[in-house]
């Protein structure tokens, strides 16, 4: 449960920071978003959908080596890039200005791999800590 919360909240923070930068530099615009008077980003995506997806992704790749992790990241980042491309063309939820599906692919892959690396570091720290406790 602790790892799930760490994944969820760290992914929410990371995606919100990246999205805030992208919106501030006018690469993406969100004409339709919750709490439009308060937030310029889509907080439902940044703080709920993407973090939940990341928890699922980390759980699916939890015991994998680097090669499998990279392949599994494609399973998430490619459909998300295609989906965002489709929704950008066929809805008014967001508008790409200086953005493409390739940018989405890169940012989704980057954040997924960053969070997975963070979880891997936590696993190593816990492993070292448990060995130290056993030795004492």
C-alpha atoms as a PDB file:
ATOM      1  CA  UNK A   1       0.000   0.000   0.000  1.00  0.00           C
ATOM      2  CA  UNK A   2       2.861   2.374   0.834  1.00  0.00           C
ATOM      3  CA  UNK A   3       4.402   1.898  -2.611  1.00  0.00           C
ATOM      4  CA  UNK A   4       1.050   2.492  -4.307  1.00  0.00           C
ATOM      5  CA  UNK A   5       0.656   5.786  -2.458  1.00  0.00           C
ATOM      6  CA  UNK A   6       4.222   6.822  -3.260  1.00  0.00           C
ATOM      7  CA  UNK A   7       3.653   6.003  -6.943  1.00  0.00           C
ATOM      8  CA  UNK A   8       0.287   7.758  -7.049  1.00  0.00           C
ATOM      9  CA  UNK A   9       1.383  10.986  -5.379  1.00  0.00           C
ATOM     10  CA  UNK A  10       4.815  11.244  -6.990  1.00  0.00           C
ATOM     11  CA  UNK A  11       3.297  10.662 -10.439  1.00  0.00           C
ATOM     12  CA  UNK A  12       0.634  13.278  -9.730  1.00  0.00           C
ATOM     13  CA  UNK A  13       3.283  15.814  -8.759  1.00  0.00           C
ATOM     14  CA  UNK A  14       5.555  14.988 -11.706  1.00  0.00           C
ATOM     15  CA  UNK A  15       2.802  15.099 -14.335  1.00  0.00           C
ATOM     16  CA  UNK A  16       1.337  18.309 -12.882  1.00  0.00           C
ATOM     17  CA  UNK A  17       4.731  20.036 -12.963  1.00  0.00           C
ATOM     18  CA  UNK A  18       5.401  18.971 -16.546  1.00  0.00           C
ATOM     19  CA  UNK A  19       1.887  19.897 -17.647  1.00  0.00           C
ATOM     20  CA  UNK A  20       2.106  23.287 -15.937  1.00  0.00           C
ATOM     21  CA  UNK A  21       5.327  24.012 -17.820  1.00  0.00           C
ATOM     22  CA  UNK A  22       3.859  22.872 -21.136  1.00  0.00           C
ATOM     23  CA  UNK A  23       0.759  25.039 -20.645  1.00  0.00           C
ATOM     24  CA  UNK A  24       2.811  28.038 -19.473  1.00  0.00           C
ATOM     25  CA  UNK A  25       4.960  27.835 -22.607  1.00  0.00           C
ATOM     26  CA  UNK A  26       1.770  27.615 -24.693  1.00  0.00           C
ATOM     27  CA  UNK A  27       2.454  24.253 -26.257  1.00  0.00           C
ATOM     28  CA  UNK A  28      -0.913  22.858 -25.154  1.00  0.00           C
ATOM     29  CA  UNK A  29      -4.157  24.559 -24.225  1.00  0.00           C
ATOM     30  CA  UNK A  30      -7.050  23.056 -22.271  1.00  0.00           C
ATOM     31  CA  UNK A  31     -10.230  24.905 -23.244  1.00  0.00           C
ATOM     32  CA  UNK A  32     -12.362  22.362 -21.362  1.00  0.00           C
ATOM     33  CA  UNK A  33     -11.093  21.441 -17.902  1.00  0.00           C
ATOM     34  CA  UNK A  34     -12.332  21.047 -14.334  1.00  0.00           C
ATOM     35  CA  UNK A  35     -11.897  24.103 -12.094  1.00  0.00           C
ATOM     36  CA  UNK A  36     -10.934  26.281 -15.068  1.00  0.00           C
ATOM     37  CA  UNK A  37     -10.786  29.431 -12.938  1.00  0.00           C
ATOM     38  CA  UNK A  38      -8.198  27.887 -10.614  1.00  0.00           C
ATOM     39  CA  UNK A  39      -6.092  25.562 -12.792  1.00  0.00           C
ATOM     40  CA  UNK A  40      -4.752  25.996 -16.313  1.00  0.00           C
ATOM     41  CA  UNK A  41      -4.019  22.281 -16.627  1.00  0.00           C
ATOM     42  CA  UNK A  42      -6.398  19.334 -16.658  1.00  0.00           C
ATOM     43  CA  UNK A  43      -6.084  18.215 -13.047  1.00  0.00           C
ATOM     44  CA  UNK A  44      -8.325  15.179 -13.549  1.00  0.00           C
ATOM     45  CA  UNK A  45      -5.757  13.761 -15.965  1.00  0.00           C
ATOM     46  CA  UNK A  46      -2.683  14.942 -14.018  1.00  0.00           C
ATOM     47  CA  UNK A  47      -3.852  14.070 -10.507  1.00  0.00           C
ATOM     48  CA  UNK A  48      -6.144  11.079 -11.026  1.00  0.00           C
ATOM     49  CA  UNK A  49      -6.056   9.240 -14.367  1.00  0.00           C
ATOM     50  CA  UNK A  50      -2.313   9.305 -15.060  1.00  0.00           C
ATOM     51  CA  UNK A  51      -1.297   8.416 -11.464  1.00  0.00           C
ATOM     52  CA  UNK A  52      -3.750   5.481 -11.390  1.00  0.00           C
ATOM     53  CA  UNK A  53      -2.425   4.271 -14.724  1.00  0.00           C
ATOM     54  CA  UNK A  54       1.108   4.531 -13.353  1.00  0.00           C
ATOM     55  CA  UNK A  55       0.259   2.442 -10.285  1.00  0.00           C
ATOM     56  CA  UNK A  56      -1.080  -0.243 -12.628  1.00  0.00           C
ATOM     57  CA  UNK A  57       1.993  -0.003 -14.875  1.00  0.00           C
ATOM     58  CA  UNK A  58       4.453  -0.299 -11.984  1.00  0.00           C
ATOM     59  CA  UNK A  59       2.568  -3.316 -10.649  1.00  0.00           C
ATOM     60  CA  UNK A  60       2.690  -4.972 -14.088  1.00  0.00           C
ATOM     61  CA  UNK A  61       6.436  -4.340 -14.406  1.00  0.00           C
ATOM     62  CA  UNK A  62       7.382  -4.794 -10.746  1.00  0.00           C
ATOM     63  CA  UNK A  63       9.577  -7.897 -11.135  1.00  0.00           C
ATOM     64  CA  UNK A  64      10.797  -7.253 -14.691  1.00  0.00           C
ATOM     65  CA  UNK A  65      14.299  -6.561 -15.948  1.00  0.00           C
ATOM     66  CA  UNK A  66      15.142  -3.362 -17.836  1.00  0.00           C
ATOM     67  CA  UNK A  67      14.392  -4.789 -21.281  1.00  0.00           C
ATOM     68  CA  UNK A  68      10.904  -5.954 -20.271  1.00  0.00           C
ATOM     69  CA  UNK A  69      10.255  -2.632 -18.517  1.00  0.00           C
ATOM     70  CA  UNK A  70      11.094  -0.745 -21.719  1.00  0.00           C
ATOM     71  CA  UNK A  71       8.819  -3.002 -23.795  1.00  0.00           C
ATOM     72  CA  UNK A  72       5.971  -2.682 -21.314  1.00  0.00           C
ATOM     73  CA  UNK A  73       6.349   1.096 -21.304  1.00  0.00           C
ATOM     74  CA  UNK A  74       5.545   0.991 -25.023  1.00  0.00           C
ATOM     75  CA  UNK A  75       2.307  -0.841 -24.233  1.00  0.00           C
ATOM     76  CA  UNK A  76       1.213   2.248 -22.288  1.00  0.00           C
ATOM     77  CA  UNK A  77       2.866   5.152 -24.099  1.00  0.00           C
ATOM     78  CA  UNK A  78       1.980   4.223 -27.691  1.00  0.00           C
ATOM     79  CA  UNK A  79      -1.801   3.850 -27.119  1.00  0.00           C
ATOM     80  CA  UNK A  80      -1.837   7.015 -24.998  1.00  0.00           C
ATOM     81  CA  UNK A  81      -0.089   8.944 -27.771  1.00  0.00           C
ATOM     82  CA  UNK A  82      -2.495   7.640 -30.396  1.00  0.00           C
ATOM     83  CA  UNK A  83      -5.464   8.319 -28.113  1.00  0.00           C
ATOM     84  CA  UNK A  84      -4.375  11.884 -27.430  1.00  0.00           C
ATOM     85  CA  UNK A  85      -3.798  12.464 -31.138  1.00  0.00           C
ATOM     86  CA  UNK A  86      -7.333  11.208 -31.847  1.00  0.00           C
ATOM     87  CA  UNK A  87      -8.929  13.292 -29.090  1.00  0.00           C
ATOM     88  CA  UNK A  88      -7.013  16.401 -30.092  1.00  0.00           C
ATOM     89  CA  UNK A  89      -8.423  16.058 -33.605  1.00  0.00           C
ATOM     90  CA  UNK A  90     -11.972  15.055 -32.625  1.00  0.00           C
ATOM     91  CA  UNK A  91     -12.761  16.856 -29.384  1.00  0.00           C
ATOM     92  CA  UNK A  92     -12.330  20.240 -27.793  1.00  0.00           C
ATOM     93  CA  UNK A  93     -10.779  18.892 -24.578  1.00  0.00           C
ATOM     94  CA  UNK A  94      -7.322  20.222 -25.460  1.00  0.00           C
ATOM     95  CA  UNK A  95      -5.540  21.911 -28.326  1.00  0.00           C
ATOM     96  CA  UNK A  96      -1.989  21.217 -29.416  1.00  0.00           C
ATOM     97  CA  UNK A  97      -0.142  24.337 -30.465  1.00  0.00           C
ATOM     98  CA  UNK A  98       3.550  23.424 -30.402  1.00  0.00           C
ATOM     99  CA  UNK A  99       2.946  19.782 -29.569  1.00  0.00           C
ATOM    100  CA  UNK A 100       2.641  16.475 -31.424  1.00  0.00           C
ATOM    101  CA  UNK A 101       1.925  12.840 -30.668  1.00  0.00           C
ATOM    102  CA  UNK A 102       5.703  12.330 -30.557  1.00  0.00           C
ATOM    103  CA  UNK A 103       5.935  14.850 -27.695  1.00  0.00           C
ATOM    104  CA  UNK A 104       3.184  12.964 -25.879  1.00  0.00           C
ATOM    105  CA  UNK A 105       5.010   9.685 -26.434  1.00  0.00           C
ATOM    106  CA  UNK A 106       8.239  11.152 -25.053  1.00  0.00           C
ATOM    107  CA  UNK A 107       6.645  12.756 -22.007  1.00  0.00           C
ATOM    108  CA  UNK A 108       4.555   9.692 -21.139  1.00  0.00           C
ATOM    109  CA  UNK A 109       7.570   7.393 -21.536  1.00  0.00           C
ATOM    110  CA  UNK A 110       9.763   9.746 -19.514  1.00  0.00           C
ATOM    111  CA  UNK A 111       7.325   9.981 -16.615  1.00  0.00           C
ATOM    112  CA  UNK A 112       6.569   6.241 -16.589  1.00  0.00           C
ATOM    113  CA  UNK A 113      10.259   5.336 -16.564  1.00  0.00           C
ATOM    114  CA  UNK A 114      11.066   8.031 -13.986  1.00  0.00           C
ATOM    115  CA  UNK A 115       8.448   6.713 -11.580  1.00  0.00           C
ATOM    116  CA  UNK A 116       9.503   3.106 -12.243  1.00  0.00           C
ATOM    117  CA  UNK A 117      13.118   4.074 -11.514  1.00  0.00           C
ATOM    118  CA  UNK A 118      11.981   5.766  -8.320  1.00  0.00           C
ATOM    119  CA  UNK A 119      10.153   2.595  -7.241  1.00  0.00           C
ATOM    120  CA  UNK A 120      13.228   0.526  -8.142  1.00  0.00           C
ATOM    121  CA  UNK A 121      15.348   2.763  -5.903  1.00  0.00           C
ATOM    122  CA  UNK A 122      12.853   2.360  -3.055  1.00  0.00           C
ATOM    123  CA  UNK A 123      12.978  -1.431  -3.502  1.00  0.00           C
ATOM    124  CA  UNK A 124      16.785  -1.405  -3.291  1.00  0.00           C
ATOM    125  CA  UNK A 125      16.750   0.795  -0.179  1.00  0.00           C
ATOM    126  CA  UNK A 126      14.188  -1.491   1.481  1.00  0.00           C
ATOM    127  CA  UNK A 127      16.279  -4.546   0.551  1.00  0.00           C
ATOM    128  CA  UNK A 128      19.458  -3.035   2.038  1.00  0.00           C
ATOM    129  CA  UNK A 129      17.531  -1.922   5.121  1.00  0.00           C
ATOM    130  CA  UNK A 130      16.040  -5.392   5.676  1.00  0.00           C
ATOM    131  CA  UNK A 131      19.485  -7.040   5.330  1.00  0.00           C
ATOM    132  CA  UNK A 132      20.866  -4.580   7.881  1.00  0.00           C
ATOM    133  CA  UNK A 133      18.003  -5.353  10.307  1.00  0.00           C
ATOM    134  CA  UNK A 134      18.580  -9.096   9.927  1.00  0.00           C
ATOM    135  CA  UNK A 135      22.309  -8.680  10.591  1.00  0.00           C
ATOM    136  CA  UNK A 136      21.598  -6.791  13.805  1.00  0.00           C
END
